[in-house]
Amino acid sequence: MKQRLVVIGNGMAGMRTVEELLTAAPDKYEITVFGAEPYGNYNRIMLSSVLCGEKTIEDIVINDRQWYIDNGIKLHAGEEKTVVYIDRKKKNVYAQDGTVVGYDRLLIATGSKAVMPQVPGNDLKGVISFRDIVDVNKMLSYSHSHSKAVVLGGGLLGLEAASGLALRGMDVTVIHNHDILMNRQMDRHAAKMLQTELEQRGLKFKMGAKLKQLLGDENGHIRAVSFDDGSQLECDLFVTAIGVRPNMALAQKAGIYCQRGIVVNDTLQSYDPSVYAVGECIQHRGSTFGLVAPLFEQAKVCANHLSAHGAAKYVALPTATKLKVTGINLFSVGDFQGGENSDCICFTDPALGIYKKLVIKANKLIGAVLYGDTADGGWYQQLLEQEGDISNIREALVFGKAYAGII
């Protein structure tokens, strides 16, 4: 008799877990999936490539509807199929349209919600986040009918949104509350190189900006953005990209223990042993997650336990940052600022637009920032994860793997 597995969330983390499970224990579960969007499973990371025109929505689908049928998975997709309640005593989940499904094991993969700026006017028409296919379609339709876009947030997502809209012909200004772009992933030198390159492509920036309010016209549509310094920017489309928060309301309502996210142990189990959680909705050993590499690692560990092979444990490793803007190569990982008792090795070639910074502490590589030439990023990340002694290759380290004589 097969056990019943219900998955809430049809995104990348939940479906990667299901894929891993189908490989590890194809006949163990009868699987039901609930997704709030009316599609199969798609690659959310590639939305910026759809926005800038390099890919279509069809190109970024990972598993189409036929895949679910072929694998005997029951898919409930669309807004009316959103799960609104989990009854842990009865082990049932309830969808908005009244659908009820029982489970033996439940996997919550509800992802995250975009953070909206807490300023007057944040509910005006033309104010959107950059999270899903609906948002991308809205941005594309605005790019045909409107001219001025403002993107709030100079991090990865904000810059990808801004570049995409600029390529679609819009006049784009990025507003950022810090004086350097991608301040969580870049040091000042690399950030300035990035800003210069993006300005050459037509993007404008308002740095160290403090948003005061969003102003609307008589139809309730955004027309301008105002700042604490009294200045204003005209605006037809306002895209917010200032981060995400774990989407844990459903779990909280069911009495599952949450802090900043759904709290899970090293096997991705919540405090209820029959309820697992993966992805951006979780908190593991104090950390929450927003990049794809840790999500896929969690999926692997979770599937290992659901298939009762239970030996794996999830360990969070430093995650590398890469920007998906064509022609711009940047990479950062680990503690790239350095501090007391650490040394920096830097290499700059302004003519080629290359900058490299490696941070070393106790003869170990603890962080790296690469701009312009990121070919050795994977190797630096490996050295960082392995925590090996680099003293014998220290002199050659900044020139890369081939130069250090390690082919």
Protein backbone atom coordinates (compact mmCIF):
# COMPACT_ATOMS: atom_id res chain seq x y z
CA MET A 1 0.00 0.00 0.00
CA LYS A 2 1.49 3.34 -1.08
CA GLN A 3 1.79 6.17 1.40
CA ARG A 4 0.21 9.52 0.57
CA LEU A 5 2.53 12.48 0.08
CA VAL A 6 0.99 15.92 -0.35
CA VAL A 7 3.20 18.79 -1.56
CA ILE A 8 2.04 22.37 -1.00
CA GLY A 9 3.89 24.54 -3.50
CA ASN A 10 4.68 23.76 -7.13
CA GLY A 11 7.93 25.73 -7.28
CA MET A 12 11.56 24.78 -7.72
CA ALA A 13 12.30 23.46 -4.21
CA GLY A 14 9.17 21.33 -3.85
CA MET A 15 9.37 19.84 -7.33
CA ARG A 16 13.10 19.15 -7.13
CA THR A 17 12.32 17.16 -3.95
CA VAL A 18 9.65 15.21 -5.86
CA GLU A 19 12.08 14.55 -8.76
CA GLU A 20 14.71 13.25 -6.34
CA LEU A 21 12.07 11.11 -4.63
CA LEU A 22 10.89 9.59 -7.93
CA THR A 23 14.48 8.49 -8.55
CA ALA A 24 15.11 7.21 -5.00
CA ALA A 25 11.77 5.52 -4.29
CA PRO A 26 9.50 5.62 -7.36
CA ASP A 27 6.78 3.39 -5.89
CA LYS A 28 6.68 4.57 -2.29
CA TYR A 29 4.16 7.40 -2.55
CA GLU A 30 0.94 8.45 -4.15
CA ILE A 31 1.80 12.12 -4.77
CA THR A 32 -0.55 15.11 -4.87
CA VAL A 33 0.76 18.62 -5.59
CA PHE A 34 -1.00 21.94 -4.96
CA GLY A 35 0.26 25.06 -6.78
CA ALA A 36 -1.22 28.56 -6.67
CA GLU A 37 -0.12 29.39 -10.23
CA PRO A 38 -1.97 27.85 -13.21
CA TYR A 39 1.16 26.26 -14.74
CA GLY A 40 3.42 23.28 -14.43
CA ASN A 41 6.74 23.83 -12.69
CA TYR A 42 8.97 26.55 -14.15
CA ASN A 43 12.42 27.99 -13.51
CA ARG A 44 11.78 31.20 -11.57
CA ILE A 45 15.46 32.15 -11.80
CA MET A 46 15.13 32.51 -15.57
CA LEU A 47 12.33 35.10 -15.37
CA SER A 48 14.89 37.86 -15.94
CA SER A 49 15.87 36.13 -19.21
CA VAL A 50 12.21 36.18 -20.28
CA LEU A 51 11.95 39.85 -19.35
CA CYS A 52 14.98 40.85 -21.43
CA GLY A 53 13.82 38.73 -24.40
CA GLU A 54 16.45 35.97 -24.36
CA LYS A 55 13.89 33.31 -23.51
CA THR A 56 10.14 32.73 -23.71
CA ILE A 57 7.88 31.44 -20.92
CA GLU A 58 7.82 28.05 -22.73
CA ASP A 59 11.63 27.91 -22.60
CA ILE A 60 11.72 28.10 -18.81
CA VAL A 61 9.18 25.36 -18.03
CA ILE A 62 10.95 22.54 -16.16
CA ASN A 63 8.06 20.08 -15.92
CA ASP A 64 5.01 20.59 -18.11
CA ARG A 65 1.57 19.20 -17.24
CA GLN A 66 2.27 15.99 -19.15
CA TRP A 67 5.20 15.22 -16.81
CA TYR A 68 2.82 15.07 -13.84
CA ILE A 69 0.52 12.71 -15.73
CA ASP A 70 3.44 10.52 -16.87
CA ASN A 71 4.65 10.20 -13.27
CA GLY A 72 1.21 9.55 -11.81
CA ILE A 73 1.20 12.82 -9.87
CA LYS A 74 -2.13 14.58 -9.25
CA LEU A 75 -1.62 18.31 -9.85
CA HIS A 76 -4.07 20.88 -8.48
CA ALA A 77 -2.93 24.17 -10.07
CA GLY A 78 -4.42 27.66 -10.04
CA GLU A 79 -5.54 30.26 -7.53
CA GLU A 80 -8.69 28.36 -6.53
CA LYS A 81 -6.47 25.37 -5.66
CA THR A 82 -4.44 27.37 -3.13
CA VAL A 83 -4.26 25.45 0.14
CA VAL A 84 -5.94 27.51 2.87
CA TYR A 85 -5.82 25.13 5.84
CA ILE A 86 -3.86 22.16 7.18
CA ASP A 87 -5.57 19.95 9.77
CA ARG A 88 -2.69 18.10 11.44
CA LYS A 89 -4.95 15.97 13.66
CA LYS A 90 -6.92 14.57 10.74
CA LYS A 91 -3.89 14.85 8.40
CA ASN A 92 -5.92 16.65 5.74
CA VAL A 93 -5.22 19.72 3.61
CA TYR A 94 -8.04 21.95 2.37
CA ALA A 95 -7.93 24.08 -0.80
CA GLN A 96 -9.83 27.30 -1.47
CA ASP A 97 -12.36 25.53 -3.75
CA GLY A 98 -13.19 22.88 -1.15
CA THR A 99 -10.81 20.15 -2.38
CA VAL A 100 -9.72 17.96 0.57
CA VAL A 101 -6.76 15.57 0.38
CA GLY A 102 -5.39 13.36 3.17
CA TYR A 103 -1.68 12.78 3.75
CA ASP A 104 0.72 10.49 5.58
CA ARG A 105 3.61 12.86 4.84
CA LEU A 106 3.25 16.56 4.05
CA LEU A 107 5.88 18.70 2.32
CA ILE A 108 5.47 22.47 2.63
CA ALA A 109 7.29 24.41 -0.10
CA THR A 110 5.37 27.68 -0.12
CA GLY A 111 8.38 29.82 -1.02
CA SER A 112 8.55 33.49 -0.14
CA LYS A 113 6.70 36.75 -0.64
CA ALA A 114 8.21 39.96 -1.95
CA VAL A 115 8.75 42.67 0.67
CA MET A 116 6.67 45.75 -0.18
CA PRO A 117 7.97 49.19 0.85
CA GLN A 118 5.99 50.50 3.81
CA VAL A 119 5.19 53.90 2.32
CA PRO A 120 1.95 55.64 1.35
CA GLY A 121 0.87 54.69 -2.18
CA ASN A 122 2.27 51.14 -2.18
CA ASP A 123 -1.17 49.88 -3.28
CA LEU A 124 -1.40 52.05 -6.42
CA LYS A 125 -1.85 50.47 -9.85
CA GLY A 126 1.49 50.01 -11.59
CA VAL A 127 3.27 49.04 -8.36
CA ILE A 128 4.47 45.45 -8.65
CA SER A 129 7.08 43.00 -7.42
CA PHE A 130 9.23 40.72 -9.60
CA ARG A 131 8.38 37.19 -8.47
CA ASP A 132 6.40 35.23 -11.05
CA ILE A 133 5.12 34.90 -14.61
CA VAL A 134 2.22 37.31 -13.93
CA ASP A 135 4.69 40.02 -12.85
CA VAL A 136 6.85 39.49 -15.95
CA ASN A 137 3.81 39.67 -18.24
CA LYS A 138 2.75 42.93 -16.56
CA MET A 139 6.25 44.37 -16.99
CA LEU A 140 6.28 43.38 -20.66
CA SER A 141 2.90 44.95 -21.33
CA TYR A 142 3.97 48.18 -19.55
CA SER A 143 7.14 48.31 -21.65
CA HIS A 144 4.93 48.48 -24.79
CA SER A 145 2.59 51.20 -23.48
CA HIS A 146 4.60 53.25 -20.93
CA SER A 147 8.03 54.84 -20.86
CA LYS A 148 9.35 55.52 -17.34
CA ALA A 149 10.17 52.75 -14.88
CA VAL A 150 11.61 53.01 -11.38
CA VAL A 151 13.09 49.93 -9.73
CA LEU A 152 13.44 49.93 -5.95
CA GLY A 153 16.46 47.88 -4.87
CA GLY A 154 20.01 47.72 -6.22
CA GLY A 155 20.52 44.04 -5.42
CA LEU A 156 20.60 41.05 -7.80
CA LEU A 157 16.89 40.97 -8.61
CA GLY A 158 16.50 44.74 -8.92
CA LEU A 159 19.39 45.04 -11.37
CA GLU A 160 18.10 42.12 -13.45
CA ALA A 161 14.63 43.73 -13.59
CA ALA A 162 16.09 47.13 -14.47
CA SER A 163 18.32 45.71 -17.24
CA GLY A 164 15.41 43.78 -18.73
CA LEU A 165 13.12 46.82 -18.78
CA ALA A 166 15.88 48.99 -20.29
CA LEU A 167 16.41 46.42 -23.05
CA ARG A 168 12.65 46.59 -23.69
CA GLY A 169 13.06 50.32 -24.36
CA MET A 170 12.01 51.85 -21.05
CA ASP A 171 13.75 54.76 -19.33
CA VAL A 172 14.83 53.10 -16.06
CA THR A 173 16.08 54.54 -12.76
CA VAL A 174 17.25 52.25 -9.96
CA ILE A 175 16.83 53.63 -6.46
CA HIS A 176 18.89 52.08 -3.70
CA ASN A 177 19.10 52.95 0.01
CA HIS A 178 22.86 52.27 0.15
CA ASP A 179 25.66 54.19 -1.56
CA ILE A 180 26.93 51.08 -3.40
CA LEU A 181 25.07 48.51 -5.50
CA MET A 182 24.73 44.91 -4.33
CA ASN A 183 26.24 45.96 -0.99
CA ARG A 184 25.62 42.48 0.47
CA GLN A 185 27.51 40.74 -2.31
CA MET A 186 30.10 43.22 -3.57
CA ASP A 187 32.85 45.37 -2.15
CA ARG A 188 32.99 49.06 -3.07
CA HIS A 189 35.49 48.68 -5.92
CA ALA A 190 33.53 45.97 -7.77
CA ALA A 191 30.22 47.76 -7.12
CA LYS A 192 31.51 50.98 -8.70
CA MET A 193 32.73 49.06 -11.77
CA LEU A 194 29.29 47.47 -12.05
CA GLN A 195 27.48 50.81 -11.74
CA THR A 196 29.69 52.39 -14.42
CA GLU A 197 29.04 49.51 -16.81
CA LEU A 198 25.27 49.65 -16.23
CA GLU A 199 25.25 53.44 -16.70
CA GLN A 200 26.99 52.93 -20.05
CA ARG A 201 24.02 50.73 -20.97
CA GLY A 202 21.60 53.55 -20.20
CA LEU A 203 20.50 52.78 -16.64
CA LYS A 204 20.21 55.68 -14.18
CA PHE A 205 20.82 55.48 -10.44
CA LYS A 206 19.70 57.36 -7.37
CA MET A 207 21.91 56.06 -4.56
CA GLY A 208 21.53 56.48 -0.80
CA ALA A 209 17.89 57.26 -1.52
CA LYS A 210 15.21 57.31 1.16
CA LEU A 211 11.76 56.68 -0.28
CA LYS A 212 9.01 58.90 1.16
CA GLN A 213 5.89 58.05 -0.82
CA LEU A 214 4.43 56.91 -4.13
CA LEU A 215 2.12 59.46 -5.77
CA GLY A 216 -0.87 58.51 -7.90
CA ASP A 217 -3.00 60.19 -10.56
CA GLU A 218 -6.80 60.62 -10.48
CA ASN A 219 -7.23 57.01 -11.69
CA GLY A 220 -5.22 55.51 -8.82
CA HIS A 221 -2.22 54.78 -11.05
CA ILE A 222 1.35 55.62 -10.04
CA ARG A 223 2.71 58.84 -11.58
CA ALA A 224 5.74 59.74 -9.42
CA VAL A 225 8.03 58.71 -6.59
CA SER A 226 8.96 61.21 -3.87
CA PHE A 227 12.00 61.13 -1.58
CA ASP A 228 12.93 62.45 1.87
CA ASP A 229 15.25 65.03 0.28
CA GLY A 230 12.25 66.65 -1.42
CA SER A 231 13.07 65.37 -4.92
CA GLN A 232 10.64 63.49 -7.18
CA LEU A 233 10.92 61.10 -10.12
CA GLU A 234 8.27 60.61 -12.77
CA CYS A 235 7.15 57.01 -12.92
CA ASP A 236 4.67 54.86 -14.92
CA LEU A 237 5.83 51.52 -13.51
CA PHE A 238 7.30 50.91 -10.05
CA VAL A 239 9.00 47.56 -9.45
CA THR A 240 9.96 46.62 -5.91
CA ALA A 241 12.92 44.26 -5.43
CA ILE A 242 14.04 44.83 -1.84
CA GLY A 243 14.01 41.24 -0.71
CA VAL A 244 11.69 38.44 0.26
CA ARG A 245 10.17 36.99 3.42
CA PRO A 246 9.41 33.31 4.02
CA ASN A 247 5.78 32.53 3.22
CA MET A 248 4.87 30.74 6.44
CA ALA A 249 1.33 31.95 7.26
CA LEU A 250 -0.23 28.58 6.35
CA ALA A 251 2.19 26.70 8.61
CA GLN A 252 1.65 29.16 11.46
CA LYS A 253 -2.12 28.77 11.16
CA ALA A 254 -1.64 24.99 11.48
CA GLY A 255 0.35 25.46 14.69
CA ILE A 256 3.69 24.44 13.15
CA TYR A 257 6.60 26.09 14.96
CA CYS A 258 7.98 29.10 13.05
CA GLN A 259 10.41 31.90 13.81
CA ARG A 260 11.58 33.89 10.76
CA GLY A 261 10.58 30.86 8.67
CA ILE A 262 9.23 27.34 9.27
CA VAL A 263 11.82 25.91 11.67
CA VAL A 264 13.31 22.63 10.39
CA ASN A 265 16.05 20.29 11.61
CA ASP A 266 18.96 18.85 9.59
CA THR A 267 16.59 16.35 7.91
CA LEU A 268 14.19 19.15 6.84
CA GLN A 269 11.50 18.01 9.30
CA SER A 270 9.42 20.56 11.16
CA TYR A 271 8.51 20.07 14.82
CA ASP A 272 5.72 17.77 13.52
CA PRO A 273 7.61 14.65 12.31
CA SER A 274 5.13 14.00 9.48
CA VAL A 275 5.56 17.54 8.10
CA TYR A 276 8.66 18.46 6.09
CA ALA A 277 9.52 21.84 4.58
CA VAL A 278 12.07 23.00 1.99
CA GLY A 279 13.08 26.16 0.18
CA GLU A 280 12.55 29.84 0.83
CA CYS A 281 9.82 29.25 3.44
CA ILE A 282 12.17 27.56 5.95
CA GLN A 283 14.58 28.55 8.68
CA HIS A 284 17.45 26.12 9.28
CA ARG A 285 19.91 26.71 12.15
CA GLY A 286 18.98 30.39 12.21
CA SER A 287 19.34 30.99 8.43
CA THR A 288 16.74 31.64 5.74
CA PHE A 289 17.42 31.12 2.02
CA GLY A 290 16.89 33.04 -1.21
CA LEU A 291 19.21 31.44 -3.77
CA VAL A 292 18.72 28.21 -5.67
CA ALA A 293 21.83 26.16 -4.77
CA PRO A 294 20.85 25.58 -1.11
CA LEU A 295 17.26 24.81 -2.16
CA PHE A 296 18.40 21.96 -4.41
CA GLU A 297 20.64 20.61 -1.66
CA GLN A 298 17.69 20.68 0.75
CA ALA A 299 15.56 18.83 -1.83
CA LYS A 300 18.15 16.06 -2.02
CA VAL A 301 18.32 15.62 1.76
CA CYS A 302 14.54 15.79 2.18
CA ALA A 303 13.96 13.17 -0.56
CA ASN A 304 16.56 10.95 1.09
CA HIS A 305 14.47 10.94 4.29
CA LEU A 306 11.08 10.68 2.61
CA SER A 307 12.37 7.62 0.74
CA ALA A 308 13.47 6.18 4.14
CA HIS A 309 17.11 5.98 3.09
CA GLY A 310 17.54 8.51 5.92
CA ALA A 311 21.26 9.05 6.23
CA ALA A 312 21.72 12.53 4.76
CA LYS A 313 21.91 15.75 6.72
CA TYR A 314 21.53 19.25 5.35
CA VAL A 315 24.56 21.49 5.87
CA ALA A 316 24.36 25.09 4.67
CA LEU A 317 27.47 26.00 2.63
CA PRO A 318 28.48 29.51 1.53
CA THR A 319 26.45 30.34 -1.58
CA ALA A 320 27.95 32.15 -4.54
CA THR A 321 26.34 35.18 -6.14
CA LYS A 322 26.09 35.63 -9.91
CA LEU A 323 24.24 38.34 -11.82
CA LYS A 324 22.13 37.29 -14.81
CA VAL A 325 22.72 40.33 -17.01
CA THR A 326 24.19 39.45 -20.39
CA GLY A 327 27.77 40.52 -20.81
CA ILE A 328 28.36 41.32 -17.15
CA ASN A 329 30.42 38.80 -15.21
CA LEU A 330 30.53 39.03 -11.49
CA PHE A 331 30.93 36.47 -8.73
CA SER A 332 31.18 36.66 -4.98
CA VAL A 333 31.29 34.09 -2.21
CA GLY A 334 32.01 33.96 1.52
CA ASP A 335 33.41 36.78 3.63
CA PHE A 336 34.61 39.09 0.87
CA GLN A 337 35.08 42.16 3.11
CA GLY A 338 37.57 40.56 5.49
CA GLY A 339 38.42 42.05 8.85
CA GLU A 340 40.87 41.66 11.69
CA ASN A 341 43.48 38.93 11.20
CA SER A 342 42.65 38.54 7.51
CA ASP A 343 44.63 39.56 4.42
CA CYS A 344 43.41 40.63 1.01
CA ILE A 345 45.05 39.84 -2.32
CA CYS A 346 43.82 42.17 -5.07
CA PHE A 347 44.37 42.31 -8.82
CA THR A 348 43.02 45.07 -11.08
CA ASP A 349 43.25 45.57 -14.82
CA PRO A 350 41.18 48.69 -15.62
CA ALA A 351 41.79 48.39 -19.38
CA LEU A 352 40.16 44.96 -19.46
CA GLY A 353 37.63 45.82 -16.75
CA ILE A 354 38.90 43.07 -14.45
CA TYR A 355 39.02 43.16 -10.66
CA LYS A 356 39.71 40.27 -8.27
CA LYS A 357 39.85 40.27 -4.51
CA LEU A 358 40.61 37.23 -2.37
CA VAL A 359 40.32 37.27 1.41
CA ILE A 360 42.62 34.93 3.34
CA LYS A 361 42.65 34.10 7.04
CA ALA A 362 44.89 31.55 8.77
CA ASN A 363 46.12 30.31 5.35
CA LYS A 364 42.57 29.55 4.19
CA LEU A 365 40.52 31.29 1.53
CA ILE A 366 37.43 32.72 3.27
CA GLY A 367 35.98 35.01 0.58
CA ALA A 368 36.27 36.18 -3.02
CA VAL A 369 34.92 38.92 -5.30
CA LEU A 370 35.51 38.65 -9.04
CA TYR A 371 34.46 41.20 -11.65
CA GLY A 372 35.00 40.94 -15.40
CA ASP A 373 36.69 37.53 -15.27
CA THR A 374 34.79 34.91 -13.28
CA ALA A 375 36.23 31.77 -14.88
CA ASP A 376 37.84 30.63 -11.61
CA GLY A 377 34.80 31.31 -9.43
CA GLY A 378 33.90 27.65 -9.06
CA TRP A 379 37.45 26.76 -8.08
CA TYR A 380 37.60 29.51 -5.43
CA GLN A 381 34.28 28.33 -4.05
CA GLN A 382 35.64 24.78 -3.82
CA LEU A 383 38.75 25.97 -1.94
CA LEU A 384 36.51 27.91 0.42
CA GLU A 385 34.22 24.94 1.14
CA GLN A 386 37.12 22.52 1.61
CA GLU A 387 38.87 24.94 4.00
CA GLY A 388 42.26 23.64 2.81
CA ASP A 389 45.64 25.26 3.46
CA ILE A 390 46.49 27.49 0.48
CA SER A 391 49.94 28.66 1.63
CA ASN A 392 51.80 26.69 -1.09
CA ILE A 393 49.78 28.35 -3.91
CA ARG A 394 49.22 31.72 -2.23
CA GLU A 395 51.43 33.72 -4.62
CA ALA A 396 49.64 32.40 -7.69
CA LEU A 397 46.14 32.20 -6.23
CA VAL A 398 44.77 35.45 -7.65
CA PHE A 399 45.83 34.48 -11.20
CA GLY A 400 43.60 31.41 -11.14
CA LYS A 401 43.65 27.65 -11.20
CA ALA A 402 45.75 27.13 -14.35
CA TYR A 403 48.41 29.60 -13.19
CA ALA A 404 48.56 27.97 -9.75
CA GLY A 405 49.53 24.75 -11.57
CA ILE A 406 46.36 22.87 -10.71
CA ILE A 407 44.74 21.70 -13.91
